[in-house]
């Protein structure tokens, strides 16, 4: 059975609503792109999940985009993006490749071991700022670190206003500090190198959401 979400649960905000004309409010259906495939896009509307065939008439779209559909399910137009992640496309005539759109918060994840790198964190923070999203640095594997506070201080020195959380991604009790960014309708992306615990973090947050009723439906793993 398809899960039904309200538009606000899907991340619909006044920023998108105000882009609609009076005619579009009655004649079009807002839909969010949740997955890309070679032949079609998976969408969610307030009526449930549906597919949109990929044709040459569609503009470049990415996961997180909000589009308008006619009532017959055909494409109408793309709404302006609140944030936009892209990278240069190598070996292609296309100058860039879209990664995600309309992300509210990015969890910049690094582990408290040999993977820890202030330079890498700074690059991820710059990428997040350029895209127009909020960054939260998440330090994983704190249970395996003798002095997690020393790492936290190093990261905090990059910016006194930066939000930094040290966690054990396997223990939901250590994730309470992340809950303000996992509220209903907030779109979170997870950014970090391989092996730092991104998937574990997402799985624990999703399990916590099921137990507590908070919304983590739009948390997704990001760049490797």
N, C-alpha and C. Protein backbone atom coordinates (compact mmCIF):
# COMPACT_ATOMS: atom_id res chain seq x y z
N UNK A 1 0.85 -1.19 0.00
CA UNK A 1 0.00 0.00 0.00
C UNK A 1 0.88 1.24 0.00
N UNK A 2 0.58 2.19 -0.88
CA UNK A 2 1.38 3.40 -0.99
C UNK A 2 1.14 4.32 0.20
N UNK A 3 2.22 4.79 0.82
CA UNK A 3 2.10 5.74 1.92
C UNK A 3 1.67 7.09 1.38
N UNK A 4 0.74 7.74 2.06
CA UNK A 4 0.26 9.05 1.66
C UNK A 4 0.87 10.12 2.58
N UNK A 5 1.44 11.14 1.98
CA UNK A 5 2.01 12.25 2.73
C UNK A 5 1.27 13.54 2.37
N UNK A 6 1.19 14.45 3.32
CA UNK A 6 0.69 15.78 3.01
C UNK A 6 1.80 16.56 2.31
N UNK A 7 1.44 17.65 1.65
CA UNK A 7 2.46 18.46 0.98
C UNK A 7 3.48 18.99 1.98
N UNK A 8 3.04 19.38 3.15
CA UNK A 8 3.99 19.91 4.15
C UNK A 8 4.96 18.82 4.61
N UNK A 9 4.49 17.58 4.73
CA UNK A 9 5.39 16.48 5.08
C UNK A 9 6.42 16.23 3.98
N UNK A 10 6.04 16.50 2.76
CA UNK A 10 6.95 16.31 1.63
C UNK A 10 7.94 17.47 1.49
N UNK A 11 7.77 18.53 2.28
CA UNK A 11 8.69 19.65 2.23
C UNK A 11 8.14 20.90 1.56
N UNK A 12 6.84 20.91 1.29
CA UNK A 12 6.20 22.07 0.66
C UNK A 12 6.13 23.22 1.66
N UNK A 13 6.60 24.39 1.25
CA UNK A 13 6.64 25.56 2.13
C UNK A 13 6.08 26.77 1.38
N UNK A 14 5.87 27.89 2.08
CA UNK A 14 5.40 29.11 1.40
C UNK A 14 6.31 29.55 0.25
N UNK A 15 7.60 29.20 0.32
CA UNK A 15 8.52 29.56 -0.75
C UNK A 15 8.05 29.00 -2.09
N UNK A 16 7.52 27.78 -2.07
CA UNK A 16 7.03 27.16 -3.30
C UNK A 16 5.59 27.59 -3.61
N UNK A 17 4.78 27.70 -2.56
CA UNK A 17 3.38 28.07 -2.76
C UNK A 17 3.25 29.43 -3.45
N UNK A 18 4.11 30.37 -3.06
CA UNK A 18 3.99 31.72 -3.61
C UNK A 18 4.41 31.81 -5.08
N UNK A 19 4.99 30.74 -5.61
CA UNK A 19 5.36 30.72 -7.02
C UNK A 19 4.19 30.36 -7.93
N UNK A 20 3.11 29.86 -7.35
CA UNK A 20 1.97 29.41 -8.14
C UNK A 20 1.05 30.58 -8.50
N UNK A 21 0.55 30.58 -9.70
CA UNK A 21 -0.49 31.53 -10.09
C UNK A 21 -1.83 31.03 -9.57
N UNK A 22 -2.84 31.91 -9.59
CA UNK A 22 -4.17 31.50 -9.14
C UNK A 22 -4.69 30.34 -9.99
N UNK A 23 -4.40 30.39 -11.28
CA UNK A 23 -4.84 29.33 -12.18
C UNK A 23 -4.16 28.00 -11.83
N UNK A 24 -2.86 28.06 -11.53
CA UNK A 24 -2.12 26.84 -11.20
C UNK A 24 -2.60 26.24 -9.89
N UNK A 25 -3.06 27.06 -8.96
CA UNK A 25 -3.54 26.56 -7.67
C UNK A 25 -4.73 25.62 -7.85
N UNK A 26 -5.50 25.82 -8.88
CA UNK A 26 -6.69 24.99 -9.10
C UNK A 26 -6.51 23.96 -10.19
N UNK A 27 -5.57 24.20 -11.11
CA UNK A 27 -5.46 23.34 -12.28
C UNK A 27 -4.21 22.47 -12.30
N UNK A 28 -3.34 22.63 -11.30
CA UNK A 28 -2.10 21.86 -11.28
C UNK A 28 -1.91 21.17 -9.93
N UNK A 29 -1.10 20.13 -9.94
CA UNK A 29 -0.80 19.34 -8.74
C UNK A 29 0.70 19.43 -8.46
N UNK A 30 1.13 19.90 -7.27
CA UNK A 30 2.55 19.89 -6.92
C UNK A 30 3.05 18.46 -6.73
N UNK A 31 4.26 18.19 -7.22
CA UNK A 31 4.85 16.87 -7.08
C UNK A 31 6.34 17.01 -6.79
N UNK A 32 6.87 16.14 -5.97
CA UNK A 32 8.29 16.18 -5.64
C UNK A 32 9.00 14.97 -6.22
N UNK A 33 10.15 15.22 -6.83
CA UNK A 33 10.96 14.14 -7.40
C UNK A 33 11.67 13.41 -6.26
N UNK A 34 11.48 12.09 -6.16
CA UNK A 34 12.10 11.33 -5.09
C UNK A 34 13.14 10.34 -5.61
N UNK A 35 13.14 10.07 -6.91
CA UNK A 35 14.14 9.16 -7.48
C UNK A 35 14.21 9.38 -8.99
N UNK A 36 15.41 9.16 -9.54
CA UNK A 36 15.64 9.28 -10.98
C UNK A 36 16.01 7.92 -11.56
N UNK A 37 15.43 7.60 -12.70
CA UNK A 37 15.77 6.41 -13.45
C UNK A 37 15.98 6.82 -14.91
N UNK A 38 16.57 5.94 -15.67
CA UNK A 38 16.87 6.27 -17.06
C UNK A 38 15.60 6.62 -17.85
N UNK A 39 14.51 5.91 -17.60
CA UNK A 39 13.30 6.08 -18.40
C UNK A 39 12.21 6.91 -17.72
N UNK A 40 12.31 7.06 -16.40
CA UNK A 40 11.25 7.78 -15.71
C UNK A 40 11.73 8.37 -14.39
N UNK A 41 10.92 9.28 -13.86
CA UNK A 41 11.14 9.87 -12.55
C UNK A 41 10.07 9.36 -11.61
N UNK A 42 10.46 9.07 -10.37
CA UNK A 42 9.47 8.74 -9.34
C UNK A 42 9.10 10.02 -8.62
N UNK A 43 7.80 10.24 -8.47
CA UNK A 43 7.29 11.45 -7.85
C UNK A 43 6.39 11.10 -6.67
N UNK A 44 6.28 12.06 -5.74
CA UNK A 44 5.28 11.99 -4.70
C UNK A 44 4.41 13.22 -4.77
N UNK A 45 3.11 13.03 -4.76
CA UNK A 45 2.15 14.11 -4.60
C UNK A 45 1.37 13.81 -3.33
N UNK A 46 0.47 14.70 -2.96
CA UNK A 46 -0.34 14.44 -1.77
C UNK A 46 -1.32 13.29 -1.99
N UNK A 47 -1.40 12.80 -3.23
CA UNK A 47 -2.27 11.67 -3.54
C UNK A 47 -1.51 10.34 -3.58
N UNK A 48 -0.18 10.41 -3.41
CA UNK A 48 0.61 9.20 -3.42
C UNK A 48 1.73 9.24 -4.45
N UNK A 49 2.32 8.07 -4.70
CA UNK A 49 3.47 7.97 -5.61
C UNK A 49 3.00 7.77 -7.04
N UNK A 50 3.74 8.34 -7.99
CA UNK A 50 3.47 8.11 -9.40
C UNK A 50 4.76 8.31 -10.19
N UNK A 51 4.76 7.84 -11.43
CA UNK A 51 5.93 7.96 -12.30
C UNK A 51 5.67 9.01 -13.38
N UNK A 52 6.76 9.63 -13.82
CA UNK A 52 6.71 10.58 -14.92
C UNK A 52 7.74 10.15 -15.96
N UNK A 53 7.31 9.80 -17.18
CA UNK A 53 8.27 9.39 -18.21
C UNK A 53 9.26 10.50 -18.52
N UNK A 54 10.51 10.13 -18.74
CA UNK A 54 11.54 11.09 -19.13
C UNK A 54 11.48 11.30 -20.63
N UNK A 55 11.29 12.55 -21.06
CA UNK A 55 11.26 12.90 -22.48
C UNK A 55 12.18 14.09 -22.72
N UNK A 56 12.44 14.38 -23.99
CA UNK A 56 13.32 15.49 -24.33
C UNK A 56 12.70 16.84 -23.99
N UNK A 57 11.39 16.84 -23.71
CA UNK A 57 10.71 18.09 -23.39
C UNK A 57 10.91 18.51 -21.94
N UNK A 58 11.35 17.59 -21.10
CA UNK A 58 11.57 17.91 -19.70
C UNK A 58 12.87 18.68 -19.52
N UNK A 59 12.91 19.66 -18.62
CA UNK A 59 14.17 20.33 -18.29
C UNK A 59 15.02 19.38 -17.43
N UNK A 60 16.29 19.69 -17.21
CA UNK A 60 17.09 18.87 -16.30
C UNK A 60 16.47 18.89 -14.90
N UNK A 61 16.14 17.72 -14.40
CA UNK A 61 15.53 17.60 -13.08
C UNK A 61 16.40 16.73 -12.19
N UNK A 62 16.21 16.86 -10.88
CA UNK A 62 16.99 16.07 -9.94
C UNK A 62 16.15 15.74 -8.72
N UNK A 63 16.65 14.83 -7.90
CA UNK A 63 15.95 14.45 -6.68
C UNK A 63 15.77 15.67 -5.79
N UNK A 64 14.55 15.85 -5.30
CA UNK A 64 14.24 16.99 -4.44
C UNK A 64 13.51 18.11 -5.16
N UNK A 65 13.54 18.11 -6.49
CA UNK A 65 12.85 19.15 -7.24
C UNK A 65 11.35 19.12 -6.98
N UNK A 66 10.73 20.30 -7.02
CA UNK A 66 9.29 20.43 -7.02
C UNK A 66 8.85 20.82 -8.42
N UNK A 67 7.89 20.09 -8.96
CA UNK A 67 7.34 20.40 -10.26
C UNK A 67 5.82 20.47 -10.16
N UNK A 68 5.20 21.03 -11.17
CA UNK A 68 3.75 21.05 -11.26
C UNK A 68 3.30 20.10 -12.35
N UNK A 69 2.25 19.34 -12.06
CA UNK A 69 1.67 18.43 -13.02
C UNK A 69 0.25 18.90 -13.37
N UNK A 70 -0.13 18.67 -14.61
CA UNK A 70 -1.53 18.83 -14.96
C UNK A 70 -2.32 17.71 -14.30
N UNK A 71 -3.62 17.85 -14.21
CA UNK A 71 -4.42 16.83 -13.52
C UNK A 71 -4.40 15.48 -14.22
N UNK A 72 -3.99 15.47 -15.49
CA UNK A 72 -3.86 14.18 -16.18
C UNK A 72 -2.50 13.53 -15.94
N UNK A 73 -1.67 14.16 -15.07
CA UNK A 73 -0.37 13.59 -14.72
C UNK A 73 0.77 14.01 -15.61
N UNK A 74 0.53 14.86 -16.60
CA UNK A 74 1.59 15.32 -17.49
C UNK A 74 2.30 16.52 -16.88
N UNK A 75 3.53 16.75 -17.34
CA UNK A 75 4.38 17.80 -16.80
C UNK A 75 3.89 19.19 -17.20
N UNK A 76 3.93 20.12 -16.25
CA UNK A 76 3.60 21.52 -16.52
C UNK A 76 4.84 22.40 -16.44
N UNK A 77 5.46 22.51 -15.25
CA UNK A 77 6.68 23.30 -15.14
C UNK A 77 7.44 22.99 -13.87
N UNK A 78 8.70 23.45 -13.83
CA UNK A 78 9.59 23.30 -12.69
C UNK A 78 9.51 24.55 -11.82
N UNK A 79 9.43 24.38 -10.51
CA UNK A 79 9.43 25.52 -9.60
C UNK A 79 10.87 25.90 -9.24
N UNK A 80 11.05 27.19 -8.94
CA UNK A 80 12.38 27.68 -8.56
C UNK A 80 12.88 26.91 -7.35
N UNK A 81 14.19 26.63 -7.34
CA UNK A 81 14.79 25.83 -6.27
C UNK A 81 15.23 26.69 -5.10
N UNK A 82 15.05 26.15 -3.90
CA UNK A 82 15.51 26.82 -2.69
C UNK A 82 17.01 26.61 -2.49
N UNK A 83 17.49 25.42 -2.83
CA UNK A 83 18.91 25.11 -2.81
C UNK A 83 19.20 24.17 -3.97
N UNK A 84 20.47 24.09 -4.34
CA UNK A 84 20.80 23.35 -5.56
C UNK A 84 22.23 22.81 -5.47
N UNK A 85 22.35 21.47 -5.49
CA UNK A 85 23.66 20.82 -5.47
C UNK A 85 23.98 20.29 -6.87
N UNK A 86 25.17 20.60 -7.35
CA UNK A 86 25.59 20.14 -8.67
C UNK A 86 27.10 19.94 -8.66
N UNK A 87 27.57 19.17 -9.65
CA UNK A 87 29.02 18.97 -9.81
C UNK A 87 29.35 18.98 -11.29
N UNK A 88 30.59 19.24 -11.59
CA UNK A 88 31.02 19.24 -12.98
C UNK A 88 30.93 17.84 -13.55
N UNK A 89 30.41 17.73 -14.77
CA UNK A 89 30.27 16.43 -15.42
C UNK A 89 31.49 16.18 -16.30
N UNK A 90 32.21 15.11 -16.03
CA UNK A 90 33.39 14.78 -16.81
C UNK A 90 33.03 13.89 -17.98
N UNK A 91 33.72 14.07 -19.09
CA UNK A 91 33.51 13.23 -20.25
C UNK A 91 32.14 13.37 -20.85
N UNK A 92 31.56 14.55 -20.76
CA UNK A 92 30.21 14.77 -21.27
C UNK A 92 30.10 16.17 -21.82
N UNK A 93 29.19 16.35 -22.77
CA UNK A 93 28.94 17.67 -23.30
C UNK A 93 28.18 18.54 -22.30
N UNK A 94 27.57 17.90 -21.30
CA UNK A 94 26.87 18.63 -20.28
C UNK A 94 27.88 19.22 -19.30
N UNK A 95 27.78 20.51 -19.03
CA UNK A 95 28.78 21.18 -18.20
C UNK A 95 28.69 20.80 -16.74
N UNK A 96 27.51 20.40 -16.27
CA UNK A 96 27.37 20.01 -14.87
C UNK A 96 26.29 18.94 -14.72
N UNK A 97 26.37 18.26 -13.60
CA UNK A 97 25.40 17.22 -13.28
C UNK A 97 24.69 17.60 -11.99
N UNK A 98 23.38 17.68 -12.03
CA UNK A 98 22.61 17.98 -10.84
C UNK A 98 22.64 16.79 -9.89
N UNK A 99 22.76 17.08 -8.59
CA UNK A 99 22.81 16.03 -7.58
C UNK A 99 21.54 16.01 -6.74
N UNK A 100 21.11 17.17 -6.27
CA UNK A 100 19.92 17.26 -5.43
C UNK A 100 19.46 18.71 -5.38
N UNK A 101 18.21 18.89 -5.02
CA UNK A 101 17.65 20.24 -4.93
C UNK A 101 16.74 20.35 -3.72
N UNK A 102 16.57 21.59 -3.27
CA UNK A 102 15.65 21.90 -2.18
C UNK A 102 15.97 21.14 -0.90
N UNK A 103 17.27 20.99 -0.64
CA UNK A 103 17.73 20.41 0.63
C UNK A 103 17.79 21.54 1.66
N UNK A 104 17.19 21.32 2.82
CA UNK A 104 17.21 22.33 3.88
C UNK A 104 18.49 22.24 4.71
N UNK A 105 18.86 21.01 5.07
CA UNK A 105 19.98 20.80 5.99
C UNK A 105 20.88 19.69 5.46
N UNK A 106 22.18 19.88 5.59
CA UNK A 106 23.16 18.86 5.23
C UNK A 106 23.88 18.40 6.50
N UNK A 107 23.82 17.12 6.79
CA UNK A 107 24.64 16.54 7.84
C UNK A 107 25.99 16.20 7.24
N UNK A 108 27.00 17.00 7.57
CA UNK A 108 28.37 16.74 7.11
C UNK A 108 28.98 15.74 8.09
N UNK A 109 29.16 14.51 7.62
CA UNK A 109 29.52 13.40 8.51
C UNK A 109 30.99 13.03 8.36
N UNK A 110 31.68 12.92 9.48
CA UNK A 110 33.04 12.40 9.50
C UNK A 110 33.22 11.60 10.78
N UNK A 111 34.08 10.60 10.75
CA UNK A 111 34.27 9.74 11.92
C UNK A 111 35.48 10.19 12.73
N UNK A 112 35.44 9.87 14.01
CA UNK A 112 36.52 10.27 14.93
C UNK A 112 37.60 9.21 14.95
N UNK A 113 38.25 9.08 13.78
CA UNK A 113 39.39 8.17 13.65
C UNK A 113 40.30 8.70 12.55
N UNK A 114 40.99 7.84 11.84
CA UNK A 114 41.92 8.28 10.80
C UNK A 114 41.23 9.03 9.67
N UNK A 115 39.90 8.90 9.56
CA UNK A 115 39.17 9.59 8.50
C UNK A 115 39.02 11.08 8.77
N UNK A 116 39.18 11.48 10.00
CA UNK A 116 38.95 12.87 10.38
C UNK A 116 39.90 13.80 9.63
N UNK A 117 39.32 14.82 8.98
CA UNK A 117 40.11 15.78 8.21
C UNK A 117 39.40 17.13 8.21
N UNK A 118 40.04 18.12 8.81
CA UNK A 118 39.46 19.46 8.82
C UNK A 118 39.35 20.03 7.41
N UNK A 119 40.33 19.72 6.57
CA UNK A 119 40.29 20.22 5.19
C UNK A 119 39.07 19.67 4.45
N UNK A 120 38.78 18.38 4.65
CA UNK A 120 37.62 17.78 3.99
C UNK A 120 36.33 18.40 4.51
N UNK A 121 36.27 18.59 5.83
CA UNK A 121 35.08 19.21 6.41
C UNK A 121 34.87 20.60 5.84
N UNK A 122 35.95 21.37 5.71
CA UNK A 122 35.84 22.71 5.15
C UNK A 122 35.34 22.68 3.71
N UNK A 123 35.78 21.70 2.92
CA UNK A 123 35.30 21.59 1.53
C UNK A 123 33.81 21.29 1.50
N UNK A 124 33.36 20.38 2.38
CA UNK A 124 31.94 20.05 2.43
C UNK A 124 31.11 21.25 2.90
N UNK A 125 31.65 22.00 3.84
CA UNK A 125 30.94 23.18 4.33
C UNK A 125 30.82 24.23 3.22
N UNK A 126 31.88 24.38 2.44
CA UNK A 126 31.84 25.33 1.33
C UNK A 126 30.83 24.90 0.28
N UNK A 127 30.79 23.61 -0.01
CA UNK A 127 29.83 23.07 -0.97
C UNK A 127 28.41 23.31 -0.50
N UNK A 128 28.16 23.08 0.77
CA UNK A 128 26.83 23.27 1.33
C UNK A 128 26.41 24.73 1.30
N UNK A 129 27.34 25.61 1.65
CA UNK A 129 27.03 27.05 1.62
C UNK A 129 26.74 27.51 0.20
N UNK A 130 27.54 27.05 -0.76
CA UNK A 130 27.34 27.43 -2.16
C UNK A 130 25.98 26.96 -2.66
N UNK A 131 25.55 25.80 -2.18
CA UNK A 131 24.27 25.25 -2.62
C UNK A 131 23.09 25.98 -2.00
N UNK A 132 23.31 26.65 -0.87
CA UNK A 132 22.24 27.39 -0.22
C UNK A 132 21.54 26.63 0.89
N UNK A 133 22.22 25.65 1.49
CA UNK A 133 21.63 24.85 2.56
C UNK A 133 22.36 25.11 3.88
N UNK A 134 21.76 24.67 4.98
CA UNK A 134 22.36 24.78 6.30
C UNK A 134 23.20 23.55 6.59
N UNK A 135 24.34 23.73 7.24
CA UNK A 135 25.23 22.62 7.53
C UNK A 135 25.26 22.31 9.03
N UNK A 136 25.27 21.01 9.34
CA UNK A 136 25.49 20.53 10.70
C UNK A 136 26.59 19.47 10.61
N UNK A 137 27.66 19.64 11.35
CA UNK A 137 28.75 18.67 11.33
C UNK A 137 28.44 17.57 12.34
N UNK A 138 28.46 16.33 11.87
CA UNK A 138 28.15 15.17 12.71
C UNK A 138 29.40 14.31 12.83
N UNK A 139 29.92 14.19 14.04
CA UNK A 139 31.13 13.41 14.31
C UNK A 139 30.70 12.04 14.81
N UNK A 140 30.93 11.02 13.99
CA UNK A 140 30.47 9.67 14.34
C UNK A 140 31.56 8.86 15.05
N UNK A 141 31.14 7.72 15.58
CA UNK A 141 32.02 6.78 16.27
C UNK A 141 32.65 7.40 17.51
N UNK A 142 31.89 8.26 18.18
CA UNK A 142 32.40 8.91 19.39
C UNK A 142 32.66 7.90 20.50
N UNK A 143 31.95 6.75 20.45
CA UNK A 143 32.13 5.71 21.47
C UNK A 143 33.48 5.03 21.36
N UNK A 144 34.12 5.15 20.19
CA UNK A 144 35.43 4.53 19.97
C UNK A 144 36.57 5.51 20.10
N UNK A 145 36.24 6.74 20.49
CA UNK A 145 37.26 7.80 20.58
C UNK A 145 37.52 8.14 22.04
N UNK A 146 38.80 8.27 22.40
CA UNK A 146 39.16 8.57 23.79
C UNK A 146 38.80 10.00 24.19
N UNK A 147 38.86 10.93 23.22
CA UNK A 147 38.63 12.33 23.56
C UNK A 147 37.84 13.03 22.44
N UNK A 148 36.54 12.72 22.29
CA UNK A 148 35.75 13.33 21.23
C UNK A 148 35.65 14.85 21.34
N UNK A 149 35.74 15.37 22.57
CA UNK A 149 35.63 16.82 22.74
C UNK A 149 36.77 17.58 22.07
N UNK A 150 37.95 16.96 22.00
CA UNK A 150 39.06 17.63 21.34
C UNK A 150 38.80 17.80 19.84
N UNK A 151 38.17 16.79 19.23
CA UNK A 151 37.79 16.89 17.82
C UNK A 151 36.69 17.94 17.63
N UNK A 152 35.74 17.93 18.54
CA UNK A 152 34.65 18.91 18.46
C UNK A 152 35.21 20.33 18.50
N UNK A 153 36.19 20.57 19.38
CA UNK A 153 36.77 21.91 19.49
C UNK A 153 37.49 22.31 18.21
N UNK A 154 38.15 21.34 17.56
CA UNK A 154 38.83 21.65 16.30
C UNK A 154 37.84 22.08 15.22
N UNK A 155 36.72 21.37 15.16
CA UNK A 155 35.70 21.72 14.17
C UNK A 155 35.06 23.05 14.52
N UNK A 156 34.74 23.23 15.79
CA UNK A 156 34.09 24.47 16.22
C UNK A 156 34.96 25.69 15.93
N UNK A 157 36.27 25.51 15.94
CA UNK A 157 37.18 26.62 15.66
C UNK A 157 37.05 27.12 14.23
N UNK A 158 36.50 26.30 13.34
CA UNK A 158 36.28 26.75 11.96
C UNK A 158 35.25 27.86 11.90
N UNK A 159 34.27 27.79 12.81
CA UNK A 159 33.20 28.78 12.85
C UNK A 159 32.50 28.65 14.20
N UNK A 160 32.56 29.67 15.05
CA UNK A 160 31.93 29.58 16.37
C UNK A 160 30.42 29.32 16.31
N UNK A 161 29.77 29.68 15.19
CA UNK A 161 28.32 29.50 15.06
C UNK A 161 27.94 28.15 14.44
N UNK A 162 28.95 27.37 14.07
CA UNK A 162 28.68 26.09 13.42
C UNK A 162 28.12 25.09 14.42
N UNK A 163 27.08 24.35 14.00
CA UNK A 163 26.50 23.32 14.85
C UNK A 163 27.30 22.03 14.70
N UNK A 164 27.77 21.48 15.81
CA UNK A 164 28.60 20.27 15.80
C UNK A 164 28.04 19.28 16.81
N UNK A 165 27.81 18.04 16.36
CA UNK A 165 27.28 16.99 17.23
C UNK A 165 28.17 15.76 17.15
N UNK A 166 28.59 15.24 18.32
CA UNK A 166 29.36 13.99 18.38
C UNK A 166 28.41 12.87 18.79
N UNK A 167 28.38 11.79 18.00
CA UNK A 167 27.38 10.74 18.20
C UNK A 167 27.98 9.35 18.04
N UNK A 168 27.22 8.36 18.47
CA UNK A 168 27.43 6.96 18.11
C UNK A 168 26.24 6.60 17.23
N UNK A 169 26.45 6.44 15.94
CA UNK A 169 25.34 6.26 15.00
C UNK A 169 24.52 5.00 15.27
N UNK A 170 25.07 4.07 16.06
CA UNK A 170 24.34 2.85 16.40
C UNK A 170 23.42 3.04 17.61
N UNK A 171 23.58 4.14 18.32
CA UNK A 171 22.84 4.38 19.55
C UNK A 171 21.91 5.57 19.36
N UNK A 172 20.60 5.30 19.22
CA UNK A 172 19.63 6.36 18.99
C UNK A 172 19.62 7.39 20.11
N UNK A 173 20.01 6.99 21.32
CA UNK A 173 20.00 7.93 22.45
C UNK A 173 21.01 9.06 22.27
N UNK A 174 22.01 8.85 21.42
CA UNK A 174 23.02 9.90 21.22
C UNK A 174 22.63 10.84 20.08
N UNK A 175 21.50 10.57 19.44
CA UNK A 175 21.10 11.37 18.28
C UNK A 175 20.09 12.46 18.61
N UNK A 176 19.78 12.63 19.89
CA UNK A 176 18.76 13.62 20.25
C UNK A 176 19.14 15.02 19.80
N UNK A 177 20.43 15.32 19.74
CA UNK A 177 20.87 16.64 19.31
C UNK A 177 20.58 16.93 17.85
N UNK A 178 20.27 15.88 17.07
CA UNK A 178 19.96 16.07 15.64
C UNK A 178 18.47 16.25 15.38
N UNK A 179 17.64 16.03 16.39
CA UNK A 179 16.20 16.06 16.19
C UNK A 179 15.65 17.40 15.68
N UNK A 180 16.22 18.57 16.07
CA UNK A 180 15.69 19.83 15.54
C UNK A 180 15.72 19.91 14.02
N UNK A 181 16.61 19.16 13.38
CA UNK A 181 16.71 19.21 11.92
C UNK A 181 15.95 18.05 11.26
N UNK A 182 15.36 17.19 12.06
CA UNK A 182 14.62 16.05 11.52
C UNK A 182 13.12 16.21 11.72
N UNK A 183 12.69 17.44 11.88
CA UNK A 183 11.26 17.67 12.08
C UNK A 183 10.51 17.47 10.77
N UNK A 184 9.20 17.33 10.88
CA UNK A 184 8.36 17.06 9.72
C UNK A 184 8.55 18.11 8.64
N UNK A 185 8.76 17.65 7.41
CA UNK A 185 8.87 18.55 6.26
C UNK A 185 10.27 19.07 6.00
N UNK A 186 11.21 18.81 6.88
CA UNK A 186 12.58 19.27 6.66
C UNK A 186 13.34 18.23 5.82
N UNK A 187 14.00 18.68 4.78
CA UNK A 187 14.73 17.78 3.90
C UNK A 187 16.20 17.78 4.27
N UNK A 188 16.72 16.61 4.62
CA UNK A 188 18.09 16.46 5.08
C UNK A 188 18.87 15.57 4.12
N UNK A 189 20.06 16.01 3.75
CA UNK A 189 20.99 15.19 2.97
C UNK A 189 22.20 14.87 3.84
N UNK A 190 22.81 13.73 3.58
CA UNK A 190 23.97 13.29 4.36
C UNK A 190 25.19 13.27 3.45
N UNK A 191 26.22 13.98 3.85
CA UNK A 191 27.40 14.17 3.02
C UNK A 191 28.64 13.70 3.78
N UNK A 192 29.45 12.85 3.16
CA UNK A 192 30.65 12.38 3.83
C UNK A 192 31.34 11.31 3.01
N UNK A 193 32.57 11.02 3.34
CA UNK A 193 33.34 10.02 2.60
C UNK A 193 32.90 8.61 3.00
N UNK A 194 33.36 7.63 2.25
CA UNK A 194 32.98 6.24 2.48
C UNK A 194 33.49 5.75 3.83
N UNK A 195 32.64 5.01 4.55
CA UNK A 195 33.06 4.37 5.79
C UNK A 195 32.88 5.19 7.04
N UNK A 196 32.30 6.38 6.94
CA UNK A 196 32.18 7.22 8.14
C UNK A 196 30.89 6.94 8.90
N UNK A 197 30.00 6.12 8.33
CA UNK A 197 28.78 5.76 9.04
C UNK A 197 27.54 6.46 8.57
N UNK A 198 27.52 6.91 7.32
CA UNK A 198 26.34 7.62 6.80
C UNK A 198 25.11 6.71 6.78
N UNK A 199 25.25 5.52 6.23
CA UNK A 199 24.10 4.62 6.15
C UNK A 199 23.62 4.21 7.53
N UNK A 200 24.53 3.96 8.44
CA UNK A 200 24.15 3.60 9.81
C UNK A 200 23.38 4.74 10.46
N UNK A 201 23.85 5.96 10.26
CA UNK A 201 23.17 7.13 10.81
C UNK A 201 21.75 7.24 10.27
N UNK A 202 21.62 7.11 8.95
CA UNK A 202 20.29 7.22 8.33
C UNK A 202 19.37 6.12 8.84
N UNK A 203 19.86 4.88 8.91
CA UNK A 203 19.02 3.77 9.37
C UNK A 203 18.57 3.96 10.81
N UNK A 204 19.46 4.47 11.66
CA UNK A 204 19.10 4.69 13.06
C UNK A 204 18.08 5.82 13.17
N UNK A 205 18.26 6.88 12.40
CA UNK A 205 17.30 7.99 12.42
C UNK A 205 15.94 7.54 11.92
N UNK A 206 15.93 6.73 10.89
CA UNK A 206 14.66 6.24 10.37
C UNK A 206 13.96 5.34 11.38
N UNK A 207 14.73 4.51 12.07
CA UNK A 207 14.15 3.66 13.10
C UNK A 207 13.65 4.47 14.27
N UNK A 208 14.36 5.52 14.61
CA UNK A 208 13.93 6.40 15.69
C UNK A 208 12.65 7.12 15.32
N UNK A 209 12.54 7.52 14.04
CA UNK A 209 11.33 8.21 13.58
C UNK A 209 10.12 7.30 13.71
N UNK A 210 10.31 6.02 13.41
CA UNK A 210 9.19 5.07 13.51
C UNK A 210 8.73 4.91 14.95
N UNK A 211 9.68 4.98 15.90
CA UNK A 211 9.33 4.78 17.30
C UNK A 211 8.71 6.02 17.93
N UNK A 212 9.18 7.22 17.53
CA UNK A 212 8.78 8.45 18.20
C UNK A 212 7.73 9.24 17.45
N UNK A 213 7.54 8.94 16.17
CA UNK A 213 6.56 9.67 15.39
C UNK A 213 7.12 10.91 14.73
N UNK A 214 8.41 11.19 14.90
CA UNK A 214 9.00 12.34 14.21
C UNK A 214 9.20 11.98 12.75
N UNK A 215 9.47 12.99 11.94
CA UNK A 215 9.56 12.75 10.50
C UNK A 215 11.02 12.69 10.06
N UNK A 216 11.40 11.55 9.49
CA UNK A 216 12.74 11.43 8.91
C UNK A 216 12.64 10.84 7.52
N UNK A 217 11.46 10.99 6.92
CA UNK A 217 11.19 10.33 5.65
C UNK A 217 12.05 10.86 4.50
N UNK A 218 12.55 12.08 4.63
CA UNK A 218 13.27 12.66 3.51
C UNK A 218 14.76 12.74 3.74
N UNK A 219 15.24 11.99 4.71
CA UNK A 219 16.68 11.88 4.91
C UNK A 219 17.24 10.97 3.82
N UNK A 220 18.34 11.39 3.20
CA UNK A 220 18.92 10.57 2.14
C UNK A 220 20.44 10.62 2.21
N UNK A 221 21.08 9.57 1.77
CA UNK A 221 22.54 9.56 1.76
C UNK A 221 23.05 10.43 0.63
N UNK A 222 24.19 11.06 0.85
CA UNK A 222 24.73 11.99 -0.15
C UNK A 222 25.99 11.51 -0.78
N UNK A 223 26.89 12.43 -1.10
CA UNK A 223 28.11 12.10 -1.83
C UNK A 223 29.00 11.16 -1.04
N UNK A 224 29.78 10.39 -1.78
CA UNK A 224 30.71 9.47 -1.11
C UNK A 224 31.97 10.22 -0.65
